Amino acid sequence: MRRETHLAIAAFAGFILGIAGSTVLASLGWVNLVPWAIAGMLIGVLPNQRHDALRPGLLYGFVLTVIFMLVGYKGSWTNGQEVGLLLLSLVLGLIGSIAGAILSLLGNKLRLLIQR
């Protein structure tokens, strides 16, 4: 599978799980982390080599976090608060990208262990 395909799958998964986490699965609270972690590890299973698992994981975590924050925001968009929310979403997106990369690399490592 091509690298661009991995990136597209990662972005799509982050988008869908970000929306689901803010709407359908919102009542689950912290339990949302379980499907997010499983998806992050599955994204790492796709690439054949470890270094190819890093970028999709980064993208997955970033998209998931930003979409979750923006969709889940229930406040008002007045008095310049939208800029603050966007900045907060981007900063948290960077943290989410690190988590996504760790999960993706972990999934890739598990794949290599299973193949032995």
PDB file of N, CA and C in Angstrom:
ATOM      1  N   MET A   1       0.838  -1.173   0.000  1.00  0.00           N
ATOM      2  CA  MET A   1       0.000   0.000   0.000  1.00  0.00           C
ATOM      3  C   MET A   1       0.889   1.244   0.000  1.00  0.00           C
ATOM      4  N   ARG A   2       0.484   2.246  -0.716  1.00  0.00           N
ATOM      5  CA  ARG A   2       1.291   3.458  -0.848  1.00  0.00           C
ATOM      6  C   ARG A   2       1.195   4.335   0.384  1.00  0.00           C
ATOM      7  N   ARG A   3       2.207   5.176   0.569  1.00  0.00           N
ATOM      8  CA  ARG A   3       2.248   6.079   1.723  1.00  0.00           C
ATOM      9  C   ARG A   3       1.075   7.049   1.726  1.00  0.00           C
ATOM     10  N   GLU A   4       0.696   7.527   0.558  1.00  0.00           N
ATOM     11  CA  GLU A   4      -0.418   8.462   0.480  1.00  0.00           C
ATOM     12  C   GLU A   4      -1.714   7.801   0.930  1.00  0.00           C
ATOM     13  N   THR A   5      -1.854   6.523   0.640  1.00  0.00           N
ATOM     14  CA  THR A   5      -3.042   5.780   1.063  1.00  0.00           C
ATOM     15  C   THR A   5      -3.068   5.659   2.581  1.00  0.00           C
ATOM     16  N   HIS A   6      -1.914   5.388   3.179  1.00  0.00           N
ATOM     17  CA  HIS A   6      -1.838   5.319   4.646  1.00  0.00           C
ATOM     18  C   HIS A   6      -2.239   6.649   5.270  1.00  0.00           C
ATOM     19  N   LEU A   7      -1.745   7.739   4.692  1.00  0.00           N
ATOM     20  CA  LEU A   7      -2.077   9.064   5.223  1.00  0.00           C
ATOM     21  C   LEU A   7      -3.568   9.359   5.085  1.00  0.00           C
ATOM     22  N   ALA A   8      -4.144   8.980   3.956  1.00  0.00           N
ATOM     23  CA  ALA A   8      -5.577   9.213   3.747  1.00  0.00           C
ATOM     24  C   ALA A   8      -6.410   8.398   4.736  1.00  0.00           C
ATOM     25  N   ILE A   9      -6.025   7.150   4.955  1.00  0.00           N
ATOM     26  CA  ILE A   9      -6.746   6.308   5.911  1.00  0.00           C
ATOM     27  C   ILE A   9      -6.635   6.890   7.321  1.00  0.00           C
ATOM     28  N   ALA A  10      -5.437   7.357   7.674  1.00  0.00           N
ATOM     29  CA  ALA A  10      -5.219   7.930   9.009  1.00  0.00           C
ATOM     30  C   ALA A  10      -6.057   9.193   9.211  1.00  0.00           C
ATOM     31  N   ALA A  11      -6.069  10.069   8.214  1.00  0.00           N
ATOM     32  CA  ALA A  11      -6.842  11.306   8.324  1.00  0.00           C
ATOM     33  C   ALA A  11      -8.344  10.996   8.404  1.00  0.00           C
ATOM     34  N   PHE A  12      -8.803  10.059   7.593  1.00  0.00           N
ATOM     35  CA  PHE A  12     -10.218   9.694   7.601  1.00  0.00           C
ATOM     36  C   PHE A  12     -10.613   9.094   8.945  1.00  0.00           C
ATOM     37  N   ALA A  13      -9.790   8.195   9.462  1.00  0.00           N
ATOM     38  CA  ALA A  13     -10.083   7.571  10.760  1.00  0.00           C
ATOM     39  C   ALA A  13     -10.114   8.616  11.869  1.00  0.00           C
ATOM     40  N   GLY A  14      -9.165   9.540  11.862  1.00  0.00           N
ATOM     41  CA  GLY A  14      -9.153  10.607  12.854  1.00  0.00           C
ATOM     42  C   GLY A  14     -10.385  11.488  12.756  1.00  0.00           C
ATOM     43  N   PHE A  15     -10.783  11.790  11.545  1.00  0.00           N
ATOM     44  CA  PHE A  15     -11.960  12.631  11.312  1.00  0.00           C
ATOM     45  C   PHE A  15     -13.224  11.946  11.835  1.00  0.00           C
ATOM     46  N   ILE A  16     -13.421  10.694  11.451  1.00  0.00           N
ATOM     47  CA  ILE A  16     -14.624   9.965  11.853  1.00  0.00           C
ATOM     48  C   ILE A  16     -14.662   9.749  13.365  1.00  0.00           C
ATOM     49  N   LEU A  17     -13.538   9.322  13.951  1.00  0.00           N
ATOM     50  CA  LEU A  17     -13.517   9.079  15.393  1.00  0.00           C
ATOM     51  C   LEU A  17     -13.590  10.378  16.192  1.00  0.00           C
ATOM     52  N   GLY A  18     -13.083  11.473  15.647  1.00  0.00           N
ATOM     53  CA  GLY A  18     -13.204  12.769  16.313  1.00  0.00           C
ATOM     54  C   GLY A  18     -14.652  13.226  16.387  1.00  0.00           C
ATOM     55  N   ILE A  19     -15.363  13.060  15.280  1.00  0.00           N
ATOM     56  CA  ILE A  19     -16.791  13.411  15.261  1.00  0.00           C
ATOM     57  C   ILE A  19     -17.572  12.479  16.177  1.00  0.00           C
ATOM     58  N   ALA A  20     -17.316  11.182  16.071  1.00  0.00           N
ATOM     59  CA  ALA A  20     -18.044  10.207  16.904  1.00  0.00           C
ATOM     60  C   ALA A  20     -17.775  10.437  18.387  1.00  0.00           C
ATOM     61  N   GLY A  21     -16.548  10.769  18.727  1.00  0.00           N
ATOM     62  CA  GLY A  21     -16.210  11.010  20.124  1.00  0.00           C
ATOM     63  C   GLY A  21     -16.896  12.228  20.712  1.00  0.00           C
ATOM     64  N   SER A  22     -17.212  13.188  19.865  1.00  0.00           N
ATOM     65  CA  SER A  22     -17.884  14.401  20.338  1.00  0.00           C
ATOM     66  C   SER A  22     -19.394  14.311  20.285  1.00  0.00           C
ATOM     67  N   THR A  23     -19.917  13.339  19.557  1.00  0.00           N
ATOM     68  CA  THR A  23     -21.369  13.261  19.390  1.00  0.00           C
ATOM     69  C   THR A  23     -21.904  11.931  19.912  1.00  0.00           C
ATOM     70  N   VAL A  24     -21.788  10.903  19.117  1.00  0.00           N
ATOM     71  CA  VAL A  24     -22.391   9.605  19.420  1.00  0.00           C
ATOM     72  C   VAL A  24     -21.778   8.971  20.675  1.00  0.00           C
ATOM     73  N   LEU A  25     -20.472   9.017  20.796  1.00  0.00           N
ATOM     74  CA  LEU A  25     -19.783   8.366  21.911  1.00  0.00           C
ATOM     75  C   LEU A  25     -19.478   9.310  23.071  1.00  0.00           C
ATOM     76  N   ALA A  26     -20.007  10.519  23.026  1.00  0.00           N
ATOM     77  CA  ALA A  26     -19.678  11.527  24.045  1.00  0.00           C
ATOM     78  C   ALA A  26     -20.077  11.081  25.448  1.00  0.00           C
ATOM     79  N   SER A  27     -21.128  10.315  25.556  1.00  0.00           N
ATOM     80  CA  SER A  27     -21.579   9.885  26.885  1.00  0.00           C
ATOM     81  C   SER A  27     -20.626   8.880  27.527  1.00  0.00           C
ATOM     82  N   LEU A  28     -19.723   8.305  26.745  1.00  0.00           N
ATOM     83  CA  LEU A  28     -18.787   7.326  27.284  1.00  0.00           C
ATOM     84  C   LEU A  28     -17.638   7.965  28.069  1.00  0.00           C
ATOM     85  N   GLY A  29     -17.411   9.252  27.852  1.00  0.00           N
ATOM     86  CA  GLY A  29     -16.340   9.943  28.568  1.00  0.00           C
ATOM     87  C   GLY A  29     -14.969   9.404  28.219  1.00  0.00           C
ATOM     88  N   TRP A  30     -14.198   9.045  29.250  1.00  0.00           N
ATOM     89  CA  TRP A  30     -12.824   8.591  29.035  1.00  0.00           C
ATOM     90  C   TRP A  30     -12.754   7.259  28.300  1.00  0.00           C
ATOM     91  N   VAL A  31     -13.843   6.520  28.225  1.00  0.00           N
ATOM     92  CA  VAL A  31     -13.845   5.237  27.514  1.00  0.00           C
ATOM     93  C   VAL A  31     -13.626   5.452  26.012  1.00  0.00           C
ATOM     94  N   ASN A  32     -13.844   6.684  25.543  1.00  0.00           N
ATOM     95  CA  ASN A  32     -13.529   7.023  24.148  1.00  0.00           C
ATOM     96  C   ASN A  32     -12.083   6.709  23.809  1.00  0.00           C
ATOM     97  N   LEU A  33     -11.218   6.740  24.793  1.00  0.00           N
ATOM     98  CA  LEU A  33      -9.798   6.502  24.544  1.00  0.00           C
ATOM     99  C   LEU A  33      -9.526   5.093  24.030  1.00  0.00           C
ATOM    100  N   VAL A  34     -10.383   4.152  24.371  1.00  0.00           N
ATOM    101  CA  VAL A  34     -10.165   2.762  23.952  1.00  0.00           C
ATOM    102  C   VAL A  34     -10.263   2.609  22.429  1.00  0.00           C
ATOM    103  N   PRO A  35     -11.379   3.012  21.788  1.00  0.00           N
ATOM    104  CA  PRO A  35     -11.404   2.878  20.321  1.00  0.00           C
ATOM    105  C   PRO A  35     -10.369   3.777  19.639  1.00  0.00           C
ATOM    106  N   TRP A  36     -10.069   4.930  20.240  1.00  0.00           N
ATOM    107  CA  TRP A  36      -9.046   5.799  19.664  1.00  0.00           C
ATOM    108  C   TRP A  36      -7.692   5.108  19.678  1.00  0.00           C
ATOM    109  N   ALA A  37      -7.366   4.457  20.779  1.00  0.00           N
ATOM    110  CA  ALA A  37      -6.077   3.766  20.888  1.00  0.00           C
ATOM    111  C   ALA A  37      -6.016   2.570  19.938  1.00  0.00           C
ATOM    112  N   ILE A  38      -7.107   1.824  19.855  1.00  0.00           N
ATOM    113  CA  ILE A  38      -7.136   0.668  18.953  1.00  0.00           C
ATOM    114  C   ILE A  38      -6.948   1.120  17.512  1.00  0.00           C
ATOM    115  N   ALA A  39      -7.645   2.177  17.126  1.00  0.00           N
ATOM    116  CA  ALA A  39      -7.509   2.696  15.758  1.00  0.00           C
ATOM    117  C   ALA A  39      -6.090   3.188  15.506  1.00  0.00           C
ATOM    118  N   GLY A  40      -5.500   3.857  16.488  1.00  0.00           N
ATOM    119  CA  GLY A  40      -4.124   4.336  16.331  1.00  0.00           C
ATOM    120  C   GLY A  40      -3.146   3.198  16.121  1.00  0.00           C
ATOM    121  N   MET A  41      -3.334   2.109  16.859  1.00  0.00           N
ATOM    122  CA  MET A  41      -2.452   0.955  16.682  1.00  0.00           C
ATOM    123  C   MET A  41      -2.703   0.263  15.349  1.00  0.00           C
ATOM    124  N   LEU A  42      -3.965   0.198  14.918  1.00  0.00           N
ATOM    125  CA  LEU A  42      -4.265  -0.404  13.618  1.00  0.00           C
ATOM    126  C   LEU A  42      -3.657   0.402  12.477  1.00  0.00           C
ATOM    127  N   ILE A  43      -3.597   1.705  12.632  1.00  0.00           N
ATOM    128  CA  ILE A  43      -2.958   2.539  11.616  1.00  0.00           C
ATOM    129  C   ILE A  43      -1.480   2.196  11.506  1.00  0.00           C
ATOM    130  N   GLY A  44      -0.860   1.850  12.633  1.00  0.00           N
ATOM    131  CA  GLY A  44       0.543   1.451  12.615  1.00  0.00           C
ATOM    132  C   GLY A  44       0.776   0.069  12.056  1.00  0.00           C
ATOM    133  N   VAL A  45      -0.265  -0.750  11.990  1.00  0.00           N
ATOM    134  CA  VAL A  45      -0.130  -2.098  11.451  1.00  0.00           C
ATOM    135  C   VAL A  45      -0.007  -2.061   9.924  1.00  0.00           C
ATOM    136  N   LEU A  46      -0.584  -1.073   9.297  1.00  0.00           N
ATOM    137  CA  LEU A  46      -0.615  -1.018   7.831  1.00  0.00           C
ATOM    138  C   LEU A  46       0.766  -0.914   7.173  1.00  0.00           C
ATOM    139  N   PRO A  47       1.630   0.009   7.590  1.00  0.00           N
ATOM    140  CA  PRO A  47       2.927   0.131   6.916  1.00  0.00           C
ATOM    141  C   PRO A  47       3.851  -1.055   7.195  1.00  0.00           C
ATOM    142  N   ASN A  48       4.695  -1.360   6.228  1.00  0.00           N
ATOM    143  CA  ASN A  48       5.625  -2.471   6.377  1.00  0.00           C
ATOM    144  C   ASN A  48       6.818  -2.116   7.256  1.00  0.00           C
ATOM    145  N   GLN A  49       7.247  -0.872   7.222  1.00  0.00           N
ATOM    146  CA  GLN A  49       8.434  -0.463   7.972  1.00  0.00           C
ATOM    147  C   GLN A  49       8.056   0.544   9.045  1.00  0.00           C
ATOM    148  N   ARG A  50       8.872   0.553  10.081  1.00  0.00           N
ATOM    149  CA  ARG A  50       8.577   1.396  11.243  1.00  0.00           C
ATOM    150  C   ARG A  50       8.529   2.879  10.893  1.00  0.00           C
ATOM    151  N   HIS A  51       9.493   3.343  10.104  1.00  0.00           N
ATOM    152  CA  HIS A  51       9.509   4.775   9.793  1.00  0.00           C
ATOM    153  C   HIS A  51       8.311   5.201   8.941  1.00  0.00           C
ATOM    154  N   ASP A  52       7.691   4.246   8.259  1.00  0.00           N
ATOM    155  CA  ASP A  52       6.494   4.564   7.475  1.00  0.00           C
ATOM    156  C   ASP A  52       5.237   4.644   8.344  1.00  0.00           C
ATOM    157  N   ALA A  53       5.328   4.219   9.597  1.00  0.00           N
ATOM    158  CA  ALA A  53       4.180   4.279  10.509  1.00  0.00           C
ATOM    159  C   ALA A  53       4.108   5.615  11.239  1.00  0.00           C
ATOM    160  N   LEU A  54       5.180   6.388  11.208  1.00  0.00           N
ATOM    161  CA  LEU A  54       5.233   7.624  11.993  1.00  0.00           C
ATOM    162  C   LEU A  54       4.291   8.703  11.464  1.00  0.00           C
ATOM    163  N   ARG A  55       4.386   9.034  10.194  1.00  0.00           N
ATOM    164  CA  ARG A  55       3.567  10.123   9.645  1.00  0.00           C
ATOM    165  C   ARG A  55       2.064   9.864   9.738  1.00  0.00           C
ATOM    166  N   PRO A  56       1.594   8.662   9.373  1.00  0.00           N
ATOM    167  CA  PRO A  56       0.151   8.423   9.539  1.00  0.00           C
ATOM    168  C   PRO A  56      -0.302   8.551  10.992  1.00  0.00           C
ATOM    169  N   GLY A  57       0.533   8.119  11.929  1.00  0.00           N
ATOM    170  CA  GLY A  57       0.187   8.252  13.340  1.00  0.00           C
ATOM    171  C   GLY A  57       0.106   9.704  13.770  1.00  0.00           C
ATOM    172  N   LEU A  58       1.065  10.509  13.322  1.00  0.00           N
ATOM    173  CA  LEU A  58       1.037  11.942  13.629  1.00  0.00           C
ATOM    174  C   LEU A  58      -0.224  12.589  13.082  1.00  0.00           C
ATOM    175  N   LEU A  59      -0.538  12.276  11.827  1.00  0.00           N
ATOM    176  CA  LEU A  59      -1.716  12.863  11.191  1.00  0.00           C
ATOM    177  C   LEU A  59      -3.000  12.401  11.870  1.00  0.00           C
ATOM    178  N   TYR A  60      -3.081  11.126  12.181  1.00  0.00           N
ATOM    179  CA  TYR A  60      -4.266  10.581  12.861  1.00  0.00           C
ATOM    180  C   TYR A  60      -4.511  11.303  14.185  1.00  0.00           C
ATOM    181  N   GLY A  61      -3.494  11.395  15.009  1.00  0.00           N
ATOM    182  CA  GLY A  61      -3.651  12.041  16.312  1.00  0.00           C
ATOM    183  C   GLY A  61      -4.021  13.509  16.205  1.00  0.00           C
ATOM    184  N   PHE A  62      -3.418  14.206  15.244  1.00  0.00           N
ATOM    185  CA  PHE A  62      -3.707  15.632  15.065  1.00  0.00           C
ATOM    186  C   PHE A  62      -5.152  15.843  14.615  1.00  0.00           C
ATOM    187  N   VAL A  63      -5.555  15.132  13.568  1.00  0.00           N
ATOM    188  CA  VAL A  63      -6.915  15.294  13.028  1.00  0.00           C
ATOM    189  C   VAL A  63      -7.949  14.897  14.081  1.00  0.00           C
ATOM    190  N   LEU A  64      -7.727  13.778  14.755  1.00  0.00           N
ATOM    191  CA  LEU A  64      -8.658  13.322  15.784  1.00  0.00           C
ATOM    192  C   LEU A  64      -8.854  14.377  16.867  1.00  0.00           C
ATOM    193  N   THR A  65      -7.776  14.929  17.368  1.00  0.00           N
ATOM    194  CA  THR A  65      -7.856  15.890  18.461  1.00  0.00           C
ATOM    195  C   THR A  65      -8.515  17.193  18.024  1.00  0.00           C
ATOM    196  N   VAL A  66      -8.112  17.715  16.891  1.00  0.00           N
ATOM    197  CA  VAL A  66      -8.666  18.996  16.428  1.00  0.00           C
ATOM    198  C   VAL A  66     -10.159  18.853  16.117  1.00  0.00           C
ATOM    199  N   ILE A  67     -10.541  17.797  15.412  1.00  0.00           N
ATOM    200  CA  ILE A  67     -11.955  17.599  15.086  1.00  0.00           C
ATOM    201  C   ILE A  67     -12.771  17.382  16.357  1.00  0.00           C
ATOM    202  N   PHE A  68     -12.248  16.592  17.292  1.00  0.00           N
ATOM    203  CA  PHE A  68     -12.938  16.364  18.564  1.00  0.00           C
ATOM    204  C   PHE A  68     -13.176  17.689  19.289  1.00  0.00           C
ATOM    205  N   MET A  69     -12.182  18.542  19.322  1.00  0.00           N
ATOM    206  CA  MET A  69     -12.322  19.834  20.008  1.00  0.00           C
ATOM    207  C   MET A  69     -13.321  20.748  19.297  1.00  0.00           C
ATOM    208  N   LEU A  70     -13.216  20.857  18.000  1.00  0.00           N
ATOM    209  CA  LEU A  70     -14.075  21.787  17.269  1.00  0.00           C
ATOM    210  C   LEU A  70     -15.533  21.326  17.231  1.00  0.00           C
ATOM    211  N   VAL A  71     -15.758  20.037  17.038  1.00  0.00           N
ATOM    212  CA  VAL A  71     -17.128  19.529  16.994  1.00  0.00           C
ATOM    213  C   VAL A  71     -17.754  19.547  18.387  1.00  0.00           C
ATOM    214  N   GLY A  72     -16.961  19.258  19.391  1.00  0.00           N
ATOM    215  CA  GLY A  72     -17.485  19.179  20.750  1.00  0.00           C
ATOM    216  C   GLY A  72     -17.687  20.509  21.438  1.00  0.00           C
ATOM    217  N   TYR A  73     -17.231  21.607  20.842  1.00  0.00           N
ATOM    218  CA  TYR A  73     -17.370  22.920  21.471  1.00  0.00           C
ATOM    219  C   TYR A  73     -18.833  23.330  21.490  1.00  0.00           C
ATOM    220  N   LYS A  74     -19.343  23.610  22.664  1.00  0.00           N
ATOM    221  CA  LYS A  74     -20.760  23.967  22.823  1.00  0.00           C
ATOM    222  C   LYS A  74     -20.970  25.412  23.262  1.00  0.00           C
ATOM    223  N   GLY A  75     -19.905  26.176  23.310  1.00  0.00           N
ATOM    224  CA  GLY A  75     -20.015  27.561  23.750  1.00  0.00           C
ATOM    225  C   GLY A  75     -20.396  28.496  22.619  1.00  0.00           C
ATOM    226  N   SER A  76     -20.348  29.771  22.908  1.00  0.00           N
ATOM    227  CA  SER A  76     -20.695  30.771  21.900  1.00  0.00           C
ATOM    228  C   SER A  76     -19.433  31.222  21.170  1.00  0.00           C
ATOM    229  N   TRP A  77     -19.618  31.686  19.966  1.00  0.00           N
ATOM    230  CA  TRP A  77     -18.514  32.160  19.139  1.00  0.00           C
ATOM    231  C   TRP A  77     -18.524  33.688  19.100  1.00  0.00           C
ATOM    232  N   THR A  78     -18.416  34.309  20.261  1.00  0.00           N
ATOM    233  CA  THR A  78     -18.458  35.766  20.313  1.00  0.00           C
ATOM    234  C   THR A  78     -17.197  36.322  20.939  1.00  0.00           C
ATOM    235  N   ASN A  79     -16.989  37.594  20.732  1.00  0.00           N
ATOM    236  CA  ASN A  79     -15.903  38.350  21.357  1.00  0.00           C
ATOM    237  C   ASN A  79     -14.519  37.765  21.099  1.00  0.00           C
ATOM    238  N   GLY A  80     -14.294  37.264  19.911  1.00  0.00           N
ATOM    239  CA  GLY A  80     -12.977  36.761  19.560  1.00  0.00           C
ATOM    240  C   GLY A  80     -12.615  35.428  20.181  1.00  0.00           C
ATOM    241  N   GLN A  81     -13.562  34.734  20.780  1.00  0.00           N
ATOM    242  CA  GLN A  81     -13.270  33.449  21.400  1.00  0.00           C
ATOM    243  C   GLN A  81     -12.915  32.371  20.380  1.00  0.00           C
ATOM    244  N   GLU A  82     -13.345  32.544  19.149  1.00  0.00           N
ATOM    245  CA  GLU A  82     -13.051  31.532  18.143  1.00  0.00           C
ATOM    246  C   GLU A  82     -11.550  31.413  17.886  1.00  0.00           C
ATOM    247  N   VAL A  83     -10.832  32.532  17.972  1.00  0.00           N
ATOM    248  CA  VAL A  83      -9.378  32.487  17.785  1.00  0.00           C
ATOM    249  C   VAL A  83      -8.734  31.688  18.918  1.00  0.00           C
ATOM    250  N   GLY A  84      -9.176  31.922  20.135  1.00  0.00           N
ATOM    251  CA  GLY A  84      -8.661  31.184  21.280  1.00  0.00           C
ATOM    252  C   GLY A  84      -8.947  29.691  21.173  1.00  0.00           C
ATOM    253  N   LEU A  85     -10.155  29.346  20.732  1.00  0.00           N
ATOM    254  CA  LEU A  85     -10.507  27.940  20.575  1.00  0.00           C
ATOM    255  C   LEU A  85      -9.658  27.291  19.484  1.00  0.00           C
ATOM    256  N   LEU A  86      -9.464  27.991  18.392  1.00  0.00           N
ATOM    257  CA  LEU A  86      -8.646  27.432  17.315  1.00  0.00           C
ATOM    258  C   LEU A  86      -7.205  27.235  17.758  1.00  0.00           C
ATOM    259  N   LEU A  87      -6.663  28.197  18.491  1.00  0.00           N
ATOM    260  CA  LEU A  87      -5.294  28.051  18.993  1.00  0.00           C
ATOM    261  C   LEU A  87      -5.185  26.903  19.988  1.00  0.00           C
ATOM    262  N   LEU A  88      -6.155  26.804  20.883  1.00  0.00           N
ATOM    263  CA  LEU A  88      -6.171  25.702  21.836  1.00  0.00           C
ATOM    264  C   LEU A  88      -6.276  24.366  21.102  1.00  0.00           C
ATOM    265  N   SER A  89      -7.126  24.307  20.090  1.00  0.00           N
ATOM    266  CA  SER A  89      -7.288  23.075  19.319  1.00  0.00           C
ATOM    267  C   SER A  89      -5.994  22.690  18.615  1.00  0.00           C
ATOM    268  N   LEU A  90      -5.285  23.682  18.089  1.00  0.00           N
ATOM    269  CA  LEU A  90      -4.027  23.392  17.411  1.00  0.00           C
ATOM    270  C   LEU A  90      -2.957  22.911  18.379  1.00  0.00           C
ATOM    271  N   VAL A  91      -2.871  23.538  19.544  1.00  0.00           N
ATOM    272  CA  VAL A  91      -1.887  23.110  20.544  1.00  0.00           C
ATOM    273  C   VAL A  91      -2.200  21.699  21.028  1.00  0.00           C
ATOM    274  N   LEU A  92      -3.464  21.451  21.338  1.00  0.00           N
ATOM    275  CA  LEU A  92      -3.851  20.106  21.749  1.00  0.00           C
ATOM    276  C   LEU A  92      -3.689  19.110  20.602  1.00  0.00           C
ATOM    277  N   GLY A  93      -3.869  19.582  19.373  1.00  0.00           N
ATOM    278  CA  GLY A  93      -3.636  18.733  18.201  1.00  0.00           C
ATOM    279  C   GLY A  93      -2.193  18.276  18.107  1.00  0.00           C
ATOM    280  N   LEU A  94      -1.275  19.155  18.466  1.00  0.00           N
ATOM    281  CA  LEU A  94       0.138  18.761  18.479  1.00  0.00           C
ATOM    282  C   LEU A  94       0.398  17.687  19.529  1.00  0.00           C
ATOM    283  N   ILE A  95      -0.220  17.833  20.686  1.00  0.00           N
ATOM    284  CA  ILE A  95      -0.089  16.807  21.728  1.00  0.00           C
ATOM    285  C   ILE A  95      -0.748  15.504  21.254  1.00  0.00           C
ATOM    286  N   GLY A  96      -1.906  15.618  20.627  1.00  0.00           N
ATOM    287  CA  GLY A  96      -2.587  14.443  20.086  1.00  0.00           C
ATOM    288  C   GLY A  96      -1.777  13.754  19.000  1.00  0.00           C
ATOM    289  N   SER A  97      -1.040  14.541  18.223  1.00  0.00           N
ATOM    290  CA  SER A  97      -0.219  13.932  17.170  1.00  0.00           C
ATOM    291  C   SER A  97       0.903  13.096  17.777  1.00  0.00           C
ATOM    292  N   ILE A  98       1.444  13.536  18.895  1.00  0.00           N
ATOM    293  CA  ILE A  98       2.480  12.752  19.573  1.00  0.00           C
ATOM    294  C   ILE A  98       1.878  11.433  20.061  1.00  0.00           C
ATOM    295  N   ALA A  99       0.688  11.502  20.659  1.00  0.00           N
ATOM    296  CA  ALA A  99       0.021  10.281  21.118  1.00  0.00           C
ATOM    297  C   ALA A  99      -0.292   9.362  19.939  1.00  0.00           C
ATOM    298  N   GLY A 100      -0.754   9.933  18.835  1.00  0.00           N
ATOM    299  CA  GLY A 100      -1.047   9.131  17.649  1.00  0.00           C
ATOM    300  C   GLY A 100       0.196   8.458  17.094  1.00  0.00           C
ATOM    301  N   ALA A 101       1.318   9.169  17.114  1.00  0.00           N
ATOM    302  CA  ALA A 101       2.567   8.587  16.624  1.00  0.00           C
ATOM    303  C   ALA A 101       3.011   7.436  17.519  1.00  0.00           C
ATOM    304  N   ILE A 102       2.891   7.609  18.827  1.00  0.00           N
ATOM    305  CA  ILE A 102       3.273   6.551  19.762  1.00  0.00           C
ATOM    306  C   ILE A 102       2.406   5.308  19.536  1.00  0.00           C
ATOM    307  N   LEU A 103       1.101   5.511  19.390  1.00  0.00           N
ATOM    308  CA  LEU A 103       0.201   4.379  19.162  1.00  0.00           C
ATOM    309  C   LEU A 103       0.491   3.693  17.838  1.00  0.00           C
ATOM    310  N   SER A 104       0.754   4.480  16.816  1.00  0.00           N
ATOM    311  CA  SER A 104       1.045   3.916  15.507  1.00  0.00           C
ATOM    312  C   SER A 104       2.344   3.115  15.527  1.00  0.00           C
ATOM    313  N   LEU A 105       3.356   3.646  16.169  1.00  0.00           N
ATOM    314  CA  LEU A 105       4.623   2.921  16.272  1.00  0.00           C
ATOM    315  C   LEU A 105       4.460   1.656  17.120  1.00  0.00           C
ATOM    316  N   LEU A 106       3.638   1.722  18.140  1.00  0.00           N
ATOM    317  CA  LEU A 106       3.358   0.548  18.956  1.00  0.00           C
ATOM    318  C   LEU A 106       2.645  -0.525  18.131  1.00  0.00           C
ATOM    319  N   GLY A 107       1.670  -0.107  17.335  1.00  0.00           N
ATOM    320  CA  GLY A 107       0.978  -1.051  16.460  1.00  0.00           C
ATOM    321  C   GLY A 107       1.914  -1.684  15.455  1.00  0.00           C
ATOM    322  N   ASN A 108       2.839  -0.895  14.925  1.00  0.00           N
ATOM    323  CA  ASN A 108       3.811  -1.431  13.983  1.00  0.00           C
ATOM    324  C   ASN A 108       4.742  -2.425  14.661  1.00  0.00           C
ATOM    325  N   LYS A 109       5.145  -2.116  15.877  1.00  0.00           N
ATOM    326  CA  LYS A 109       6.008  -3.025  16.646  1.00  0.00           C
ATOM    327  C   LYS A 109       5.284  -4.334  16.932  1.00  0.00           C
ATOM    328  N   LEU A 110       4.003  -4.263  17.310  1.00  0.00           N
ATOM    329  CA  LEU A 110       3.221  -5.465  17.558  1.00  0.00           C
ATOM    330  C   LEU A 110       3.097  -6.314  16.294  1.00  0.00           C
ATOM    331  N   ARG A 111       2.935  -5.658  15.167  1.00  0.00           N
ATOM    332  CA  ARG A 111       2.865  -6.378  13.892  1.00  0.00           C
ATOM    333  C   ARG A 111       4.154  -7.147  13.635  1.00  0.00           C
ATOM    334  N   LEU A 112       5.277  -6.514  13.880  1.00  0.00           N
ATOM    335  CA  LEU A 112       6.562  -7.165  13.655  1.00  0.00           C
ATOM    336  C   LEU A 112       6.752  -8.337  14.626  1.00  0.00           C
ATOM    337  N   LEU A 113       6.290  -8.181  15.869  1.00  0.00           N
ATOM    338  CA  LEU A 113       6.401  -9.273  16.829  1.00  0.00           C
ATOM    339  C   LEU A 113       5.521 -10.462  16.443  1.00  0.00           C
ATOM    340  N   ILE A 114       4.333 -10.184  15.934  1.00  0.00           N
ATOM    341  CA  ILE A 114       3.412 -11.247  15.532  1.00  0.00           C
ATOM    342  C   ILE A 114       3.939 -11.985  14.309  1.00  0.00           C
ATOM    343  N   GLN A 115       4.600 -11.266  13.387  1.00  0.00           N
ATOM    344  CA  GLN A 115       5.108 -11.883  12.161  1.00  0.00           C
ATOM    345  C   GLN A 115       6.274 -12.826  12.408  1.00  0.00           C
ATOM    346  N   ARG A 116       6.948 -12.718  13.548  1.00  0.00           N
ATOM    347  CA  ARG A 116       8.113 -13.574  13.830  1.00  0.00           C
ATOM    348  C   ARG A 116       7.740 -14.986  13.976  1.00  0.00           C
TER     349      ARG A 116
END
